[in-house]
C-alpha atoms as a PDB file:
ATOM      1  CA  MET A   1      39.593 -37.000  -9.231  1.00  0.00           C
ATOM      2  CA  LYS A   2      40.320 -34.236 -11.723  1.00  0.00           C
ATOM      3  CA  LYS A   3      38.384 -36.129 -14.416  1.00  0.00           C
ATOM      4  CA  LYS A   4      35.277 -36.342 -12.171  1.00  0.00           C
ATOM      5  CA  ILE A   5      35.354 -32.589 -11.554  1.00  0.00           C
ATOM      6  CA  ILE A   6      35.598 -31.866 -15.287  1.00  0.00           C
ATOM      7  CA  ILE A   7      32.672 -34.229 -16.001  1.00  0.00           C
ATOM      8  CA  ALA A   8      30.587 -32.631 -13.217  1.00  0.00           C
ATOM      9  CA  LEU A   9      31.327 -29.087 -14.428  1.00  0.00           C
ATOM     10  CA  THR A  10      30.503 -30.086 -18.002  1.00  0.00           C
ATOM     11  CA  ALA A  11      27.183 -31.586 -16.875  1.00  0.00           C
ATOM     12  CA  VAL A  12      26.323 -28.444 -14.902  1.00  0.00           C
ATOM     13  CA  LEU A  13      27.206 -26.267 -17.892  1.00  0.00           C
ATOM     14  CA  ILE A  14      25.030 -28.356 -20.233  1.00  0.00           C
ATOM     15  CA  ILE A  15      22.096 -28.180 -17.796  1.00  0.00           C
ATOM     16  CA  ALA A  16      22.532 -24.404 -17.414  1.00  0.00           C
ATOM     17  CA  ILE A  17      22.589 -23.901 -21.194  1.00  0.00           C
ATOM     18  CA  ALA A  18      19.510 -26.108 -21.616  1.00  0.00           C
ATOM     19  CA  ALA A  19      17.665 -24.184 -18.880  1.00  0.00           C
ATOM     20  CA  LEU A  20      18.577 -20.841 -20.468  1.00  0.00           C
ATOM     21  CA  ALA A  21      17.444 -22.047 -23.894  1.00  0.00           C
ATOM     22  CA  PHE A  22      14.140 -23.264 -22.427  1.00  0.00           C
ATOM     23  CA  PHE A  23      13.593 -19.910 -20.703  1.00  0.00           C
ATOM     24  CA  LEU A  24      14.316 -17.942 -23.865  1.00  0.00           C
ATOM     25  CA  ILE A  25      11.987 -20.104 -25.950  1.00  0.00           C
ATOM     26  CA  THR A  26       9.077 -19.999 -23.498  1.00  0.00           C
ATOM     27  CA  PHE A  27       9.486 -16.375 -22.367  1.00  0.00           C
ATOM     28  CA  GLU A  28       6.455 -14.412 -23.533  1.00  0.00           C
ATOM     29  CA  THR A  29       7.399 -11.002 -24.822  1.00  0.00           C
ATOM     30  CA  ILE A  30       4.846  -8.290 -25.369  1.00  0.00           C
ATOM     31  CA  PRO A  31       4.702  -7.251 -29.034  1.00  0.00           C
ATOM     32  CA  GLU A  32       5.664  -3.641 -29.757  1.00  0.00           C
ATOM     33  CA  ASN A  33       2.208  -2.752 -31.153  1.00  0.00           C
ATOM     34  CA  THR A  34       0.591  -4.001 -27.932  1.00  0.00           C
ATOM     35  CA  LYS A  35       2.960  -1.884 -25.836  1.00  0.00           C
ATOM     36  CA  ILE A  36       2.082   1.200 -27.894  1.00  0.00           C
ATOM     37  CA  ILE A  37      -1.678   0.592 -27.601  1.00  0.00           C
ATOM     38  CA  ASN A  38      -1.371   0.056 -23.829  1.00  0.00           C
ATOM     39  CA  GLN A  39       0.679   3.245 -23.413  1.00  0.00           C
ATOM     40  CA  ASN A  40      -1.766   5.274 -25.503  1.00  0.00           C
ATOM     41  CA  MET A  41      -4.734   3.969 -23.499  1.00  0.00           C
ATOM     42  CA  LEU A  42      -3.003   4.815 -20.222  1.00  0.00           C
ATOM     43  CA  LYS A  43      -2.374   8.368 -21.495  1.00  0.00           C
ATOM     44  CA  LEU A  44      -6.145   8.790 -21.865  1.00  0.00           C
ATOM     45  CA  LYS A  45      -6.723   7.946 -18.197  1.00  0.00           C
ATOM     46  CA  GLY A  46      -6.390  11.507 -16.953  1.00  0.00           C
ATOM     47  CA  GLU A  47      -8.186  13.103 -19.889  1.00  0.00           C
ATOM     48  CA  ASN A  48     -11.922  13.569 -19.913  1.00  0.00           C
ATOM     49  CA  ARG A  49     -12.471  13.358 -23.652  1.00  0.00           C
ATOM     50  CA  SER A  50     -13.405  10.945 -26.375  1.00  0.00           C
ATOM     51  CA  THR A  51     -10.671   9.851 -28.753  1.00  0.00           C
ATOM     52  CA  PRO A  52     -10.972   8.020 -32.052  1.00  0.00           C
ATOM     53  CA  PHE A  53      -9.961   4.427 -31.391  1.00  0.00           C
ATOM     54  CA  SER A  54      -7.737   4.604 -34.476  1.00  0.00           C
ATOM     55  CA  ASP A  55      -5.593   7.229 -32.669  1.00  0.00           C
ATOM     56  CA  VAL A  56      -4.372   4.689 -30.101  1.00  0.00           C
ATOM     57  CA  THR A  57      -3.228   2.122 -32.668  1.00  0.00           C
ATOM     58  CA  PRO A  58       0.114   2.363 -34.530  1.00  0.00           C
ATOM     59  CA  PHE A  59      -1.138   0.625 -37.676  1.00  0.00           C
ATOM     60  CA  VAL A  60      -3.810   1.086 -40.348  1.00  0.00           C
ATOM     61  CA  TRP A  61      -7.158  -0.701 -39.991  1.00  0.00           C
ATOM     62  CA  ASP A  62     -10.746  -0.153 -41.038  1.00  0.00           C
ATOM     63  CA  ARG A  63     -12.558  -2.657 -38.782  1.00  0.00           C
ATOM     64  CA  ALA A  64     -11.821  -3.908 -35.290  1.00  0.00           C
ATOM     65  CA  TYR A  65     -13.646  -6.675 -33.473  1.00  0.00           C
ATOM     66  CA  ILE A  66     -13.659  -6.808 -29.687  1.00  0.00           C
ATOM     67  CA  LEU A  67     -14.132 -10.480 -28.855  1.00  0.00           C
ATOM     68  CA  GLU A  68     -15.415 -10.938 -25.326  1.00  0.00           C
ATOM     69  CA  ASP A  69     -15.243 -14.747 -25.490  1.00  0.00           C
ATOM     70  CA  PRO A  70     -11.625 -15.950 -25.072  1.00  0.00           C
ATOM     71  CA  TYR A  71     -12.561 -19.447 -26.226  1.00  0.00           C
ATOM     72  CA  TYR A  72     -13.428 -18.650 -29.850  1.00  0.00           C
ATOM     73  CA  ASP A  73     -11.381 -20.940 -32.051  1.00  0.00           C
ATOM     74  CA  GLY A  74      -9.729 -19.835 -35.287  1.00  0.00           C
ATOM     75  CA  GLY A  75     -12.689 -20.757 -37.496  1.00  0.00           C
ATOM     76  CA  ALA A  76     -15.137 -18.792 -35.366  1.00  0.00           C
ATOM     77  CA  ILE A  77     -12.827 -15.775 -35.300  1.00  0.00           C
ATOM     78  CA  ASP A  78     -12.377 -15.902 -39.079  1.00  0.00           C
ATOM     79  CA  LYS A  79     -16.147 -16.013 -39.548  1.00  0.00           C
ATOM     80  CA  ILE A  80     -16.734 -13.037 -37.228  1.00  0.00           C
ATOM     81  CA  VAL A  81     -14.051 -10.802 -38.739  1.00  0.00           C
ATOM     82  CA  GLY A  82     -14.469 -11.967 -42.335  1.00  0.00           C
ATOM     83  CA  ALA A  83     -10.766 -12.664 -42.848  1.00  0.00           C
ATOM     84  CA  GLU A  84      -8.323 -15.523 -42.429  1.00  0.00           C
ATOM     85  CA  THR A  85      -6.419 -14.913 -39.194  1.00  0.00           C
ATOM     86  CA  ASN A  86      -4.785 -18.233 -38.221  1.00  0.00           C
ATOM     87  CA  LEU A  87      -5.529 -17.375 -34.570  1.00  0.00           C
ATOM     88  CA  LYS A  88      -6.043 -19.886 -31.795  1.00  0.00           C
ATOM     89  CA  ARG A  89      -8.158 -19.870 -28.657  1.00  0.00           C
ATOM     90  CA  LEU A  90      -6.729 -17.911 -25.759  1.00  0.00           C
ATOM     91  CA  GLU A  91      -7.439 -20.721 -23.262  1.00  0.00           C
ATOM     92  CA  THR A  92      -7.665 -18.351 -20.320  1.00  0.00           C
ATOM     93  CA  GLU A  93     -10.353 -16.448 -18.454  1.00  0.00           C
ATOM     94  CA  VAL A  94      -8.244 -13.317 -17.920  1.00  0.00           C
ATOM     95  CA  ARG A  95      -7.367 -12.366 -21.483  1.00  0.00           C
ATOM     96  CA  ARG A  96      -9.462 -11.007 -24.316  1.00  0.00           C
ATOM     97  CA  ARG A  97      -8.638  -9.895 -27.813  1.00  0.00           C
ATOM     98  CA  ILE A  98      -9.355  -7.245 -30.394  1.00  0.00           C
ATOM     99  CA  VAL A  99      -8.813  -8.380 -33.967  1.00  0.00           C
ATOM    100  CA  PHE A 100      -7.965  -5.636 -36.460  1.00  0.00           C
ATOM    101  CA  VAL A 101      -8.691  -5.963 -40.180  1.00  0.00           C
ATOM    102  CA  ASN A 102      -7.936  -3.674 -43.102  1.00  0.00           C
ATOM    103  CA  GLN A 103      -9.684  -4.078 -46.467  1.00  0.00           C
ATOM    104  CA  GLY A 104     -10.708  -7.630 -45.602  1.00  0.00           C
ATOM    105  CA  LYS A 105      -7.236  -8.725 -44.516  1.00  0.00           C
ATOM    106  CA  PHE A 106      -6.074  -9.553 -41.001  1.00  0.00           C
ATOM    107  CA  VAL A 107      -3.788  -6.862 -39.557  1.00  0.00           C
ATOM    108  CA  TYR A 108      -3.220  -7.416 -35.834  1.00  0.00           C
ATOM    109  CA  ASP A 109      -4.371  -9.429 -32.831  1.00  0.00           C
ATOM    110  CA  TYR A 110      -4.325  -7.220 -29.729  1.00  0.00           C
ATOM    111  CA  ILE A 111      -4.503  -9.407 -26.627  1.00  0.00           C
ATOM    112  CA  TYR A 112      -5.169  -7.630 -23.356  1.00  0.00           C
ATOM    113  CA  ASN A 113      -5.594  -8.637 -19.749  1.00  0.00           C
ATOM    114  CA  ILE A 114      -9.016  -7.846 -18.277  1.00  0.00           C
ATOM    115  CA  SER A 115      -7.359  -6.823 -15.014  1.00  0.00           C
ATOM    116  CA  GLU A 116      -5.802  -3.910 -16.956  1.00  0.00           C
ATOM    117  CA  PHE A 117      -8.547  -2.931 -19.402  1.00  0.00           C
ATOM    118  CA  THR A 118     -12.262  -3.628 -19.585  1.00  0.00           C
ATOM    119  CA  PHE A 119     -14.169  -2.643 -22.705  1.00  0.00           C
ATOM    120  CA  ARG A 120     -17.831  -1.642 -22.471  1.00  0.00           C
ATOM    121  CA  PRO A 121     -20.398  -2.428 -23.634  1.00  0.00           C
ATOM    122  CA  PHE A 122     -19.673  -6.111 -23.115  1.00  0.00           C
ATOM    123  CA  GLY A 123     -19.956  -8.646 -25.893  1.00  0.00           C
ATOM    124  CA  THR A 124     -18.575  -8.947 -29.386  1.00  0.00           C
ATOM    125  CA  LEU A 125     -18.370  -5.471 -30.906  1.00  0.00           C
ATOM    126  CA  GLU A 126     -17.490  -4.317 -34.407  1.00  0.00           C
ATOM    127  CA  LEU A 127     -15.745  -0.953 -34.543  1.00  0.00           C
ATOM    128  CA  THR A 128     -14.772   1.350 -37.371  1.00  0.00           C
ATOM    129  CA  THR A 129     -12.125   4.056 -37.374  1.00  0.00           C
ATOM    130  CA  SER A 130     -14.808   6.663 -36.657  1.00  0.00           C
ATOM    131  CA  ASP A 131     -15.765   5.011 -33.345  1.00  0.00           C
ATOM    132  CA  THR A 132     -14.359   6.684 -30.264  1.00  0.00           C
ATOM    133  CA  ILE A 133     -13.296   5.534 -26.838  1.00  0.00           C
ATOM    134  CA  ARG A 134     -13.293   7.260 -23.484  1.00  0.00           C
ATOM    135  CA  ILE A 135     -11.708   6.106 -20.259  1.00  0.00           C
ATOM    136  CA  ALA A 136     -14.649   5.993 -17.845  1.00  0.00           C
ATOM    137  CA  VAL A 137     -14.380   6.556 -14.130  1.00  0.00           C
ATOM    138  CA  GLY A 138     -15.034   3.345 -12.275  1.00  0.00           C
ATOM    139  CA  THR A 139     -14.332   1.494  -9.084  1.00  0.00           C
ATOM    140  CA  SER A 140     -12.582  -1.370 -10.865  1.00  0.00           C
ATOM    141  CA  LYS A 141      -8.806  -1.691 -10.783  1.00  0.00           C
ATOM    142  CA  ALA A 142      -8.951  -2.079 -14.549  1.00  0.00           C
ATOM    143  CA  LEU A 143      -9.359   0.957 -16.754  1.00  0.00           C
ATOM    144  CA  ILE A 144     -12.880   0.951 -18.148  1.00  0.00           C
ATOM    145  CA  VAL A 145     -12.751   1.750 -21.840  1.00  0.00           C
ATOM    146  CA  GLN A 146     -16.145   2.976 -22.967  1.00  0.00           C
ATOM    147  CA  VAL A 147     -16.696   2.473 -26.700  1.00  0.00           C
ATOM    148  CA  GLU A 148     -18.777   5.259 -28.235  1.00  0.00           C
ATOM    149  CA  PRO A 149     -20.063   4.652 -31.763  1.00  0.00           C
END
């Protein structure tokens, strides 16, 4: 009887460890740069002013590409931004990305949820550090980020 209990407890322990390992491997953490960009955008919500887009990012870049189509594959993204990115399709309707490049080299892939932020005008946009953004007043639950060249 004692041997059966030890075997059962060992099996439960192995299953628990496997489940924890699976959770830790598949758990999607938000990168620190994305957290900083999100926080900086939320700070602009109450302000009625334009801000250089470069002020909300914690890294150096000279071109940013807002990609409205989440289904661009890596080759299409590389062609648009003019740099090798090794990015994959997002495979979802609720996420979009902004790809940042500096001196022709890939810097960062900012992935955002369209229920949190919506960039206008719609479409694929190329931005430079001199372009500004303003949080527009809207009826959407998402913050509307108006890009102003």
